[in-house]
C-alpha atoms as a PDB file:
ATOM      1  CA  UNK A   1     219.822  41.185  62.750  1.00  0.00           C
ATOM      2  CA  UNK A   2     218.681  38.266  60.584  1.00  0.00           C
ATOM      3  CA  UNK A   3     215.096  38.598  61.849  1.00  0.00           C
ATOM      4  CA  UNK A   4     215.044  42.326  60.966  1.00  0.00           C
ATOM      5  CA  UNK A   5     216.405  41.490  57.535  1.00  0.00           C
ATOM      6  CA  UNK A   6     213.739  38.842  57.027  1.00  0.00           C
ATOM      7  CA  UNK A   7     210.968  41.321  57.852  1.00  0.00           C
ATOM      8  CA  UNK A   8     212.437  43.872  55.479  1.00  0.00           C
ATOM      9  CA  UNK A   9     212.533  41.398  52.593  1.00  0.00           C
ATOM     10  CA  UNK A  10     209.128  39.865  53.287  1.00  0.00           C
ATOM     11  CA  UNK A  11     210.517  36.489  54.414  1.00  0.00           C
ATOM     12  CA  UNK A  12     208.631  34.947  57.350  1.00  0.00           C
ATOM     13  CA  UNK A  13     210.560  34.249  60.533  1.00  0.00           C
ATOM     14  CA  UNK A  14     210.514  30.836  62.271  1.00  0.00           C
ATOM     15  CA  UNK A  15     208.439  32.328  65.122  1.00  0.00           C
ATOM     16  CA  UNK A  16     205.799  33.608  62.700  1.00  0.00           C
ATOM     17  CA  UNK A  17     205.682  30.240  60.916  1.00  0.00           C
ATOM     18  CA  UNK A  18     205.068  28.511  64.247  1.00  0.00           C
ATOM     19  CA  UNK A  19     202.378  31.052  65.077  1.00  0.00           C
ATOM     20  CA  UNK A  20     200.820  30.536  61.636  1.00  0.00           C
ATOM     21  CA  UNK A  21     200.569  26.771  62.190  1.00  0.00           C
ATOM     22  CA  UNK A  22     198.728  27.316  65.485  1.00  0.00           C
ATOM     23  CA  UNK A  23     196.385  29.915  63.976  1.00  0.00           C
ATOM     24  CA  UNK A  24     195.687  27.717  60.941  1.00  0.00           C
ATOM     25  CA  UNK A  25     194.504  24.889  63.181  1.00  0.00           C
ATOM     26  CA  UNK A  26     192.314  27.262  65.209  1.00  0.00           C
ATOM     27  CA  UNK A  27     190.816  29.019  62.191  1.00  0.00           C
ATOM     28  CA  UNK A  28     190.144  25.795  60.309  1.00  0.00           C
ATOM     29  CA  UNK A  29     188.400  24.394  63.390  1.00  0.00           C
ATOM     30  CA  UNK A  30     186.079  27.430  63.484  1.00  0.00           C
ATOM     31  CA  UNK A  31     185.375  27.194  59.743  1.00  0.00           C
ATOM     32  CA  UNK A  32     184.591  23.471  59.947  1.00  0.00           C
ATOM     33  CA  UNK A  33     182.499  23.690  63.133  1.00  0.00           C
ATOM     34  CA  UNK A  34     180.350  26.585  61.916  1.00  0.00           C
ATOM     35  CA  UNK A  35     180.268  25.843  58.213  1.00  0.00           C
ATOM     36  CA  UNK A  36     181.808  29.187  57.299  1.00  0.00           C
ATOM     37  CA  UNK A  37     182.994  30.061  53.802  1.00  0.00           C
ATOM     38  CA  UNK A  38     186.635  31.026  53.462  1.00  0.00           C
ATOM     39  CA  UNK A  39     185.605  33.923  51.236  1.00  0.00           C
ATOM     40  CA  UNK A  40     183.291  35.319  53.937  1.00  0.00           C
ATOM     41  CA  UNK A  41     186.061  35.030  56.535  1.00  0.00           C
ATOM     42  CA  UNK A  42     188.525  36.761  54.202  1.00  0.00           C
ATOM     43  CA  UNK A  43     186.137  39.692  53.728  1.00  0.00           C
ATOM     44  CA  UNK A  44     185.485  40.029  57.447  1.00  0.00           C
ATOM     45  CA  UNK A  45     189.198  39.783  58.265  1.00  0.00           C
ATOM     46  CA  UNK A  46     190.210  42.225  55.495  1.00  0.00           C
ATOM     47  CA  UNK A  47     192.441  39.627  53.853  1.00  0.00           C
ATOM     48  CA  UNK A  48     192.400  38.865  50.136  1.00  0.00           C
ATOM     49  CA  UNK A  49     190.637  35.593  49.379  1.00  0.00           C
ATOM     50  CA  UNK A  50     193.562  34.095  47.458  1.00  0.00           C
ATOM     51  CA  UNK A  51     195.940  35.174  50.232  1.00  0.00           C
ATOM     52  CA  UNK A  52     193.886  33.536  52.984  1.00  0.00           C
ATOM     53  CA  UNK A  53     193.309  30.382  50.918  1.00  0.00           C
ATOM     54  CA  UNK A  54     197.062  30.012  50.310  1.00  0.00           C
ATOM     55  CA  UNK A  55     197.846  30.785  53.963  1.00  0.00           C
ATOM     56  CA  UNK A  56     195.398  28.095  55.130  1.00  0.00           C
ATOM     57  CA  UNK A  57     197.138  25.534  52.902  1.00  0.00           C
ATOM     58  CA  UNK A  58     200.542  26.565  54.276  1.00  0.00           C
ATOM     59  CA  UNK A  59     201.953  27.705  50.951  1.00  0.00           C
ATOM     60  CA  UNK A  60     201.567  31.492  51.178  1.00  0.00           C
ATOM     61  CA  UNK A  61     204.773  33.145  49.921  1.00  0.00           C
ATOM     62  CA  UNK A  62     204.146  36.640  51.282  1.00  0.00           C
ATOM     63  CA  UNK A  63     204.369  38.289  54.694  1.00  0.00           C
ATOM     64  CA  UNK A  64     203.025  35.629  57.062  1.00  0.00           C
ATOM     65  CA  UNK A  65     203.209  37.976  60.046  1.00  0.00           C
ATOM     66  CA  UNK A  66     200.685  40.386  58.460  1.00  0.00           C
ATOM     67  CA  UNK A  67     198.206  37.583  57.769  1.00  0.00           C
ATOM     68  CA  UNK A  68     198.784  36.126  61.221  1.00  0.00           C
ATOM     69  CA  UNK A  69     197.906  39.418  62.871  1.00  0.00           C
ATOM     70  CA  UNK A  70     194.677  39.799  60.886  1.00  0.00           C
ATOM     71  CA  UNK A  71     193.633  36.183  61.456  1.00  0.00           C
ATOM     72  CA  UNK A  72     194.324  36.477  65.167  1.00  0.00           C
ATOM     73  CA  UNK A  73     192.241  39.659  65.347  1.00  0.00           C
ATOM     74  CA  UNK A  74     189.368  38.000  63.446  1.00  0.00           C
ATOM     75  CA  UNK A  75     189.375  34.965  65.745  1.00  0.00           C
ATOM     76  CA  UNK A  76     189.283  37.194  68.841  1.00  0.00           C
ATOM     77  CA  UNK A  77     186.469  39.324  67.405  1.00  0.00           C
ATOM     78  CA  UNK A  78     184.531  36.222  66.338  1.00  0.00           C
ATOM     79  CA  UNK A  79     184.732  34.773  69.841  1.00  0.00           C
ATOM     80  CA  UNK A  80     183.549  38.082  71.323  1.00  0.00           C
ATOM     81  CA  UNK A  81     180.607  38.236  68.884  1.00  0.00           C
ATOM     82  CA  UNK A  82     179.605  34.670  69.731  1.00  0.00           C
ATOM     83  CA  UNK A  83     179.718  35.446  73.443  1.00  0.00           C
ATOM     84  CA  UNK A  84     177.458  38.493  73.020  1.00  0.00           C
ATOM     85  CA  UNK A  85     175.123  36.614  70.675  1.00  0.00           C
ATOM     86  CA  UNK A  86     174.808  33.733  73.128  1.00  0.00           C
ATOM     87  CA  UNK A  87     173.918  36.127  75.946  1.00  0.00           C
ATOM     88  CA  UNK A  88     171.581  38.289  73.878  1.00  0.00           C
ATOM     89  CA  UNK A  89     167.863  37.604  74.335  1.00  0.00           C
ATOM     90  CA  UNK A  90     165.880  36.161  71.460  1.00  0.00           C
ATOM     91  CA  UNK A  91     164.091  38.833  69.449  1.00  0.00           C
ATOM     92  CA  UNK A  92     160.392  39.136  70.203  1.00  0.00           C
ATOM     93  CA  UNK A  93     157.832  38.138  67.610  1.00  0.00           C
ATOM     94  CA  UNK A  94     155.851  41.046  66.186  1.00  0.00           C
ATOM     95  CA  UNK A  95     153.545  42.470  68.852  1.00  0.00           C
ATOM     96  CA  UNK A  96     150.413  44.189  67.621  1.00  0.00           C
ATOM     97  CA  UNK A  97     150.652  46.942  70.202  1.00  0.00           C
ATOM     98  CA  UNK A  98     147.899  49.577  70.004  1.00  0.00           C
ATOM     99  CA  UNK A  99     150.118  52.220  68.398  1.00  0.00           C
ATOM    100  CA  UNK A 100     151.418  49.823  65.731  1.00  0.00           C
ATOM    101  CA  UNK A 101     147.866  48.679  65.031  1.00  0.00           C
ATOM    102  CA  UNK A 102     146.746  52.294  64.581  1.00  0.00           C
ATOM    103  CA  UNK A 103     149.645  52.989  62.222  1.00  0.00           C
ATOM    104  CA  UNK A 104     148.945  49.873  60.182  1.00  0.00           C
ATOM    105  CA  UNK A 105     145.312  50.914  59.795  1.00  0.00           C
ATOM    106  CA  UNK A 106     146.549  53.984  57.893  1.00  0.00           C
ATOM    107  CA  UNK A 107     148.646  51.770  55.618  1.00  0.00           C
ATOM    108  CA  UNK A 108     145.863  49.257  55.064  1.00  0.00           C
ATOM    109  CA  UNK A 109     143.359  51.964  54.176  1.00  0.00           C
ATOM    110  CA  UNK A 110     145.782  53.870  51.947  1.00  0.00           C
ATOM    111  CA  UNK A 111     146.729  50.728  50.029  1.00  0.00           C
ATOM    112  CA  UNK A 112     143.145  49.511  49.610  1.00  0.00           C
ATOM    113  CA  UNK A 113     141.488  52.746  48.527  1.00  0.00           C
ATOM    114  CA  UNK A 114     144.122  53.881  47.214  1.00  0.00           C
ATOM    115  CA  UNK A 115     144.841  57.085  49.120  1.00  0.00           C
ATOM    116  CA  UNK A 116     147.598  59.130  50.722  1.00  0.00           C
ATOM    117  CA  UNK A 117     148.160  58.838  54.464  1.00  0.00           C
ATOM    118  CA  UNK A 118     150.196  60.557  57.159  1.00  0.00           C
ATOM    119  CA  UNK A 119     151.742  59.020  60.294  1.00  0.00           C
ATOM    120  CA  UNK A 120     153.679  61.246  62.663  1.00  0.00           C
ATOM    121  CA  UNK A 121     155.089  60.909  66.140  1.00  0.00           C
ATOM    122  CA  UNK A 122     158.090  60.862  68.397  1.00  0.00           C
ATOM    123  CA  UNK A 123     161.127  58.674  67.861  1.00  0.00           C
ATOM    124  CA  UNK A 124     160.736  55.046  68.874  1.00  0.00           C
ATOM    125  CA  UNK A 125     156.938  54.879  69.157  1.00  0.00           C
ATOM    126  CA  UNK A 126     156.673  52.071  66.573  1.00  0.00           C
ATOM    127  CA  UNK A 127     156.172  53.803  63.222  1.00  0.00           C
ATOM    128  CA  UNK A 128     158.881  51.940  61.300  1.00  0.00           C
ATOM    129  CA  UNK A 129     158.067  48.753  63.226  1.00  0.00           C
ATOM    130  CA  UNK A 130     154.493  48.913  61.914  1.00  0.00           C
ATOM    131  CA  UNK A 131     155.632  49.724  58.369  1.00  0.00           C
ATOM    132  CA  UNK A 132     157.936  46.705  58.217  1.00  0.00           C
ATOM    133  CA  UNK A 133     155.163  44.440  59.490  1.00  0.00           C
ATOM    134  CA  UNK A 134     152.710  45.798  56.920  1.00  0.00           C
ATOM    135  CA  UNK A 135     155.276  45.117  54.203  1.00  0.00           C
ATOM    136  CA  UNK A 136     155.760  41.565  55.504  1.00  0.00           C
ATOM    137  CA  UNK A 137     152.020  40.881  55.407  1.00  0.00           C
ATOM    138  CA  UNK A 138     151.172  42.444  52.057  1.00  0.00           C
ATOM    139  CA  UNK A 139     152.446  42.200  48.469  1.00  0.00           C
ATOM    140  CA  UNK A 140     153.665  45.216  46.530  1.00  0.00           C
ATOM    141  CA  UNK A 141     154.611  47.325  49.533  1.00  0.00           C
ATOM    142  CA  UNK A 142     157.779  49.379  49.085  1.00  0.00           C
ATOM    143  CA  UNK A 143     159.530  51.280  51.863  1.00  0.00           C
ATOM    144  CA  UNK A 144     161.642  54.278  50.884  1.00  0.00           C
ATOM    145  CA  UNK A 145     163.684  55.689  53.768  1.00  0.00           C
ATOM    146  CA  UNK A 146     164.429  59.344  53.159  1.00  0.00           C
ATOM    147  CA  UNK A 147     167.580  61.109  54.314  1.00  0.00           C
ATOM    148  CA  UNK A 148     169.030  64.630  54.086  1.00  0.00           C
ATOM    149  CA  UNK A 149     170.652  63.858  50.730  1.00  0.00           C
ATOM    150  CA  UNK A 150     167.227  63.698  49.060  1.00  0.00           C
ATOM    151  CA  UNK A 151     166.839  67.406  48.573  1.00  0.00           C
ATOM    152  CA  UNK A 152     165.466  67.271  45.049  1.00  0.00           C
ATOM    153  CA  UNK A 153     162.570  65.438  43.401  1.00  0.00           C
ATOM    154  CA  UNK A 154     165.063  63.711  41.097  1.00  0.00           C
ATOM    155  CA  UNK A 155     166.996  62.334  44.093  1.00  0.00           C
ATOM    156  CA  UNK A 156     163.762  60.829  45.405  1.00  0.00           C
ATOM    157  CA  UNK A 157     162.946  59.306  42.015  1.00  0.00           C
ATOM    158  CA  UNK A 158     166.427  57.789  41.799  1.00  0.00           C
ATOM    159  CA  UNK A 159     166.041  56.185  45.227  1.00  0.00           C
ATOM    160  CA  UNK A 160     162.523  54.982  44.464  1.00  0.00           C
ATOM    161  CA  UNK A 161     163.746  53.334  41.253  1.00  0.00           C
ATOM    162  CA  UNK A 162     166.185  51.321  43.345  1.00  0.00           C
ATOM    163  CA  UNK A 163     163.534  50.420  45.937  1.00  0.00           C
ATOM    164  CA  UNK A 164     160.981  49.121  43.433  1.00  0.00           C
ATOM    165  CA  UNK A 165     163.548  47.500  41.139  1.00  0.00           C
ATOM    166  CA  UNK A 166     163.417  49.749  38.086  1.00  0.00           C
ATOM    167  CA  UNK A 167     166.425  50.706  35.965  1.00  0.00           C
ATOM    168  CA  UNK A 168     167.223  54.317  36.790  1.00  0.00           C
ATOM    169  CA  UNK A 169     167.779  55.381  33.177  1.00  0.00           C
ATOM    170  CA  UNK A 170     167.750  58.962  31.949  1.00  0.00           C
ATOM    171  CA  UNK A 171     166.610  61.597  34.443  1.00  0.00           C
ATOM    172  CA  UNK A 172     163.680  62.756  32.319  1.00  0.00           C
ATOM    173  CA  UNK A 173     162.302  59.193  32.003  1.00  0.00           C
ATOM    174  CA  UNK A 174     162.443  58.107  35.655  1.00  0.00           C
ATOM    175  CA  UNK A 175     158.949  59.261  36.574  1.00  0.00           C
ATOM    176  CA  UNK A 176     157.417  57.460  33.592  1.00  0.00           C
ATOM    177  CA  UNK A 177     159.349  54.253  34.385  1.00  0.00           C
ATOM    178  CA  UNK A 178     158.167  54.277  37.999  1.00  0.00           C
ATOM    179  CA  UNK A 179     154.548  54.910  37.048  1.00  0.00           C
ATOM    180  CA  UNK A 180     154.635  52.036  34.537  1.00  0.00           C
ATOM    181  CA  UNK A 181     156.096  49.693  37.140  1.00  0.00           C
ATOM    182  CA  UNK A 182     153.563  50.362  39.911  1.00  0.00           C
ATOM    183  CA  UNK A 183     150.382  50.980  37.901  1.00  0.00           C
ATOM    184  CA  UNK A 184     147.903  48.144  38.398  1.00  0.00           C
ATOM    185  CA  UNK A 185     149.778  46.635  41.365  1.00  0.00           C
ATOM    186  CA  UNK A 186     147.366  47.951  44.037  1.00  0.00           C
ATOM    187  CA  UNK A 187     150.594  48.703  45.856  1.00  0.00           C
ATOM    188  CA  UNK A 188     151.732  51.088  48.542  1.00  0.00           C
ATOM    189  CA  UNK A 189     154.797  53.304  48.776  1.00  0.00           C
ATOM    190  CA  UNK A 190     155.724  54.032  52.399  1.00  0.00           C
ATOM    191  CA  UNK A 191     158.072  56.989  52.816  1.00  0.00           C
ATOM    192  CA  UNK A 192     159.824  56.742  56.181  1.00  0.00           C
ATOM    193  CA  UNK A 193     161.726  59.696  57.688  1.00  0.00           C
ATOM    194  CA  UNK A 194     159.722  61.892  55.303  1.00  0.00           C
ATOM    195  CA  UNK A 195     160.601  65.035  57.264  1.00  0.00           C
ATOM    196  CA  UNK A 196     163.844  65.071  55.259  1.00  0.00           C
ATOM    197  CA  UNK A 197     161.988  65.624  51.984  1.00  0.00           C
ATOM    198  CA  UNK A 198     161.486  69.037  50.452  1.00  0.00           C
ATOM    199  CA  UNK A 199     157.980  70.178  49.567  1.00  0.00           C
ATOM    200  CA  UNK A 200     158.851  69.662  45.896  1.00  0.00           C
ATOM    201  CA  UNK A 201     159.902  66.068  46.592  1.00  0.00           C
ATOM    202  CA  UNK A 202     156.661  65.392  48.483  1.00  0.00           C
ATOM    203  CA  UNK A 203     154.746  66.824  45.542  1.00  0.00           C
ATOM    204  CA  UNK A 204     156.641  64.490  43.188  1.00  0.00           C
ATOM    205  CA  UNK A 205     155.385  61.500  45.183  1.00  0.00           C
ATOM    206  CA  UNK A 206     151.880  62.977  45.083  1.00  0.00           C
ATOM    207  CA  UNK A 207     152.189  62.972  41.294  1.00  0.00           C
ATOM    208  CA  UNK A 208     153.063  59.255  41.336  1.00  0.00           C
ATOM    209  CA  UNK A 209     149.983  58.615  43.497  1.00  0.00           C
ATOM    210  CA  UNK A 210     147.786  60.515  41.035  1.00  0.00           C
ATOM    211  CA  UNK A 211     149.207  58.930  37.876  1.00  0.00           C
ATOM    212  CA  UNK A 212     149.595  55.319  39.045  1.00  0.00           C
ATOM    213  CA  UNK A 213     146.628  55.164  41.430  1.00  0.00           C
ATOM    214  CA  UNK A 214     148.613  53.580  44.233  1.00  0.00           C
ATOM    215  CA  UNK A 215     148.719  54.374  47.926  1.00  0.00           C
ATOM    216  CA  UNK A 216     151.396  56.590  49.459  1.00  0.00           C
ATOM    217  CA  UNK A 217     151.969  56.968  53.202  1.00  0.00           C
ATOM    218  CA  UNK A 218     154.348  59.527  54.689  1.00  0.00           C
ATOM    219  CA  UNK A 219     155.935  58.697  58.056  1.00  0.00           C
ATOM    220  CA  UNK A 220     157.854  61.285  60.032  1.00  0.00           C
ATOM    221  CA  UNK A 221     158.049  63.530  63.049  1.00  0.00           C
ATOM    222  CA  UNK A 222     155.981  66.428  64.343  1.00  0.00           C
ATOM    223  CA  UNK A 223     157.609  69.055  62.056  1.00  0.00           C
ATOM    224  CA  UNK A 224     156.441  66.988  59.071  1.00  0.00           C
ATOM    225  CA  UNK A 225     152.846  67.102  60.316  1.00  0.00           C
ATOM    226  CA  UNK A 226     153.001  70.859  60.857  1.00  0.00           C
ATOM    227  CA  UNK A 227     154.524  71.385  57.412  1.00  0.00           C
ATOM    228  CA  UNK A 228     151.929  69.310  55.583  1.00  0.00           C
ATOM    229  CA  UNK A 229     149.030  70.806  57.506  1.00  0.00           C
ATOM    230  CA  UNK A 230     150.447  74.238  56.776  1.00  0.00           C
ATOM    231  CA  UNK A 231     150.179  73.452  53.077  1.00  0.00           C
ATOM    232  CA  UNK A 232     146.413  73.691  53.453  1.00  0.00           C
ATOM    233  CA  UNK A 233     146.814  77.429  53.976  1.00  0.00           C
ATOM    234  CA  UNK A 234     149.139  77.834  51.001  1.00  0.00           C
ATOM    235  CA  UNK A 235     147.242  77.773  47.721  1.00  0.00           C
ATOM    236  CA  UNK A 236     150.380  76.762  45.777  1.00  0.00           C
ATOM    237  CA  UNK A 237     150.618  73.496  47.729  1.00  0.00           C
ATOM    238  CA  UNK A 238     146.985  72.893  48.666  1.00  0.00           C
ATOM    239  CA  UNK A 239     146.863  69.911  46.283  1.00  0.00           C
ATOM    240  CA  UNK A 240     149.226  68.019  48.628  1.00  0.00           C
ATOM    241  CA  UNK A 241     147.263  68.781  51.793  1.00  0.00           C
ATOM    242  CA  UNK A 242     143.950  67.931  50.150  1.00  0.00           C
ATOM    243  CA  UNK A 243     145.254  64.500  49.050  1.00  0.00           C
ATOM    244  CA  UNK A 244     146.058  63.363  52.587  1.00  0.00           C
ATOM    245  CA  UNK A 245     143.323  61.064  53.866  1.00  0.00           C
ATOM    246  CA  UNK A 246     143.768  59.076  57.081  1.00  0.00           C
ATOM    247  CA  UNK A 247     146.195  60.477  59.657  1.00  0.00           C
ATOM    248  CA  UNK A 248     147.556  59.110  62.920  1.00  0.00           C
ATOM    249  CA  UNK A 249     149.705  60.893  65.455  1.00  0.00           C
ATOM    250  CA  UNK A 250     151.518  59.489  68.504  1.00  0.00           C
ATOM    251  CA  UNK A 251     153.796  61.893  70.332  1.00  0.00           C
ATOM    252  CA  UNK A 252     154.872  59.252  72.849  1.00  0.00           C
ATOM    253  CA  UNK A 253     154.400  55.598  73.695  1.00  0.00           C
ATOM    254  CA  UNK A 254     151.027  54.553  75.047  1.00  0.00           C
ATOM    255  CA  UNK A 255     150.737  52.844  78.442  1.00  0.00           C
ATOM    256  CA  UNK A 256     149.216  49.751  76.808  1.00  0.00           C
ATOM    257  CA  UNK A 257     152.099  49.584  74.311  1.00  0.00           C
ATOM    258  CA  UNK A 258     154.608  49.428  77.144  1.00  0.00           C
ATOM    259  CA  UNK A 259     152.575  46.894  79.146  1.00  0.00           C
ATOM    260  CA  UNK A 260     152.328  44.519  76.163  1.00  0.00           C
ATOM    261  CA  UNK A 261     156.090  44.610  75.556  1.00  0.00           C
ATOM    262  CA  UNK A 262     156.889  44.027  79.238  1.00  0.00           C
ATOM    263  CA  UNK A 263     154.411  41.142  79.392  1.00  0.00           C
ATOM    264  CA  UNK A 264     156.003  39.580  76.304  1.00  0.00           C
ATOM    265  CA  UNK A 265     159.410  39.849  77.995  1.00  0.00           C
ATOM    266  CA  UNK A 266     158.038  38.023  81.032  1.00  0.00           C
ATOM    267  CA  UNK A 267     158.740  40.857  83.449  1.00  0.00           C
ATOM    268  CA  UNK A 268     156.598  40.737  86.566  1.00  0.00           C
ATOM    269  CA  UNK A 269     158.658  42.709  89.088  1.00  0.00           C
ATOM    270  CA  UNK A 270     156.679  45.906  89.649  1.00  0.00           C
ATOM    271  CA  UNK A 271     159.676  48.129  90.372  1.00  0.00           C
ATOM    272  CA  UNK A 272     161.383  47.065  87.146  1.00  0.00           C
ATOM    273  CA  UNK A 273     158.153  47.565  85.186  1.00  0.00           C
ATOM    274  CA  UNK A 274     157.793  51.080  86.647  1.00  0.00           C
ATOM    275  CA  UNK A 275     161.349  51.966  85.652  1.00  0.00           C
ATOM    276  CA  UNK A 276     160.804  50.562  82.169  1.00  0.00           C
ATOM    277  CA  UNK A 277     157.674  52.691  81.784  1.00  0.00           C
ATOM    278  CA  UNK A 278     159.736  55.711  82.817  1.00  0.00           C
ATOM    279  CA  UNK A 279     162.326  54.898  80.110  1.00  0.00           C
ATOM    280  CA  UNK A 280     159.578  54.449  77.506  1.00  0.00           C
ATOM    281  CA  UNK A 281     158.321  57.958  78.195  1.00  0.00           C
ATOM    282  CA  UNK A 282     161.745  59.502  77.485  1.00  0.00           C
ATOM    283  CA  UNK A 283     163.014  60.500  74.023  1.00  0.00           C
ATOM    284  CA  UNK A 284     163.476  57.266  72.087  1.00  0.00           C
ATOM    285  CA  UNK A 285     160.367  55.738  73.679  1.00  0.00           C
ATOM    286  CA  UNK A 286     159.871  51.987  73.185  1.00  0.00           C
ATOM    287  CA  UNK A 287     163.065  51.701  71.153  1.00  0.00           C
ATOM    288  CA  UNK A 288     165.157  53.037  74.016  1.00  0.00           C
ATOM    289  CA  UNK A 289     163.309  50.896  76.544  1.00  0.00           C
ATOM    290  CA  UNK A 290     163.850  47.760  74.456  1.00  0.00           C
ATOM    291  CA  UNK A 291     167.548  48.501  73.973  1.00  0.00           C
ATOM    292  CA  UNK A 292     168.010  49.071  77.707  1.00  0.00           C
ATOM    293  CA  UNK A 293     166.058  45.963  78.629  1.00  0.00           C
ATOM    294  CA  UNK A 294     167.922  43.794  76.116  1.00  0.00           C
ATOM    295  CA  UNK A 295     171.270  44.915  77.479  1.00  0.00           C
ATOM    296  CA  UNK A 296     170.058  44.345  81.041  1.00  0.00           C
ATOM    297  CA  UNK A 297     169.169  40.774  80.057  1.00  0.00           C
ATOM    298  CA  UNK A 298     172.658  40.316  78.594  1.00  0.00           C
ATOM    299  CA  UNK A 299     174.152  41.483  81.900  1.00  0.00           C
ATOM    300  CA  UNK A 300     171.935  39.073  83.820  1.00  0.00           C
ATOM    301  CA  UNK A 301     172.879  36.110  81.639  1.00  0.00           C
ATOM    302  CA  UNK A 302     176.559  36.935  81.879  1.00  0.00           C
ATOM    303  CA  UNK A 303     176.111  36.342  85.630  1.00  0.00           C
ATOM    304  CA  UNK A 304     174.259  33.059  84.993  1.00  0.00           C
ATOM    305  CA  UNK A 305     170.883  34.545  85.912  1.00  0.00           C
ATOM    306  CA  UNK A 306     167.647  34.413  83.917  1.00  0.00           C
ATOM    307  CA  UNK A 307     165.880  37.182  85.834  1.00  0.00           C
ATOM    308  CA  UNK A 308     166.765  40.854  85.322  1.00  0.00           C
ATOM    309  CA  UNK A 309     167.481  42.796  88.497  1.00  0.00           C
ATOM    310  CA  UNK A 310     167.169  46.515  89.187  1.00  0.00           C
ATOM    311  CA  UNK A 311     170.952  46.683  89.218  1.00  0.00           C
ATOM    312  CA  UNK A 312     171.088  45.156  85.721  1.00  0.00           C
ATOM    313  CA  UNK A 313     168.571  47.712  84.481  1.00  0.00           C
ATOM    314  CA  UNK A 314     170.444  50.609  86.079  1.00  0.00           C
ATOM    315  CA  UNK A 315     173.810  49.431  84.755  1.00  0.00           C
ATOM    316  CA  UNK A 316     172.360  48.984  81.268  1.00  0.00           C
ATOM    317  CA  UNK A 317     170.862  52.482  81.307  1.00  0.00           C
ATOM    318  CA  UNK A 318     174.172  53.926  82.489  1.00  0.00           C
ATOM    319  CA  UNK A 319     176.149  52.143  79.754  1.00  0.00           C
ATOM    320  CA  UNK A 320     173.740  53.277  77.026  1.00  0.00           C
ATOM    321  CA  UNK A 321     173.148  56.855  78.180  1.00  0.00           C
ATOM    322  CA  UNK A 322     176.141  57.668  80.419  1.00  0.00           C
ATOM    323  CA  UNK A 323     173.693  58.704  83.138  1.00  0.00           C
ATOM    324  CA  UNK A 324     172.068  57.316  86.247  1.00  0.00           C
ATOM    325  CA  UNK A 325     168.569  55.875  85.985  1.00  0.00           C
ATOM    326  CA  UNK A 326     166.416  58.202  88.127  1.00  0.00           C
ATOM    327  CA  UNK A 327     164.030  56.839  90.708  1.00  0.00           C
ATOM    328  CA  UNK A 328     160.425  56.873  89.518  1.00  0.00           C
ATOM    329  CA  UNK A 329     158.800  60.086  90.657  1.00  0.00           C
ATOM    330  CA  UNK A 330     162.155  61.291  91.952  1.00  0.00           C
END
């Protein structure tokens, strides 16, 4: 009865105080060993900073049981994350696979000339991968990732202001502010997932290209290519089609792309390489293959093995897709 009364009034019970002492020691050990900030832990654990700080010092006057539960959950989740991180393979350095090299050639040309470019292809063939590498290698490269919410030219301008670091300001002044910011930079605006943009939004970016004399590259899927090429037959939008210079299209991963990734992963087993090539030719392409292979390597390491087996690959595919990995040619 007393314990129920204590909970109702917010007074901690002796059991919860004992639990708190144990958790405090464990949490403080993690913080000290990994150099974590109490504020970061509080945010991750969904505990107020002042609450967690007081709890760690043993002078928190509120409901200790509530804090105990959240701290215990954070510690468990942190241990699980560390276990997965330890087993996860190290990310590969950038690989200049043929498809990525072809995509970057569009970006290089469009930035240098300056011009407008178009890159289209299936999901996971390396379009975004190439864009991020081009941005890493070159100054004044901005990547705008479109989404379905960008249905108007003004929505695109608002997002672009954020990307290039310009105060959004009044709607009617956004275009002028963007043009002032990028003029003379010899820069490049890369628009990823551009299939989400309306024709009017694409035309707004064409206007920025014309006024500021900077490069613009649109990246998207096959419907984007068909839409832009269709503009050449529509006199009202021919100015967009006529501005597009270099174009590259990859509907699926290339054999050499896959081989380079598998070589970089150190995979020599022919059966596993054949299955990986099969995965790379499915929707999701190299991205799906890399995800499956990474998870297979986690499974191998969790069994204290460095080499991936066919069973690891099959189990990884099943976990990620809920299906069996078909036999090659079967």
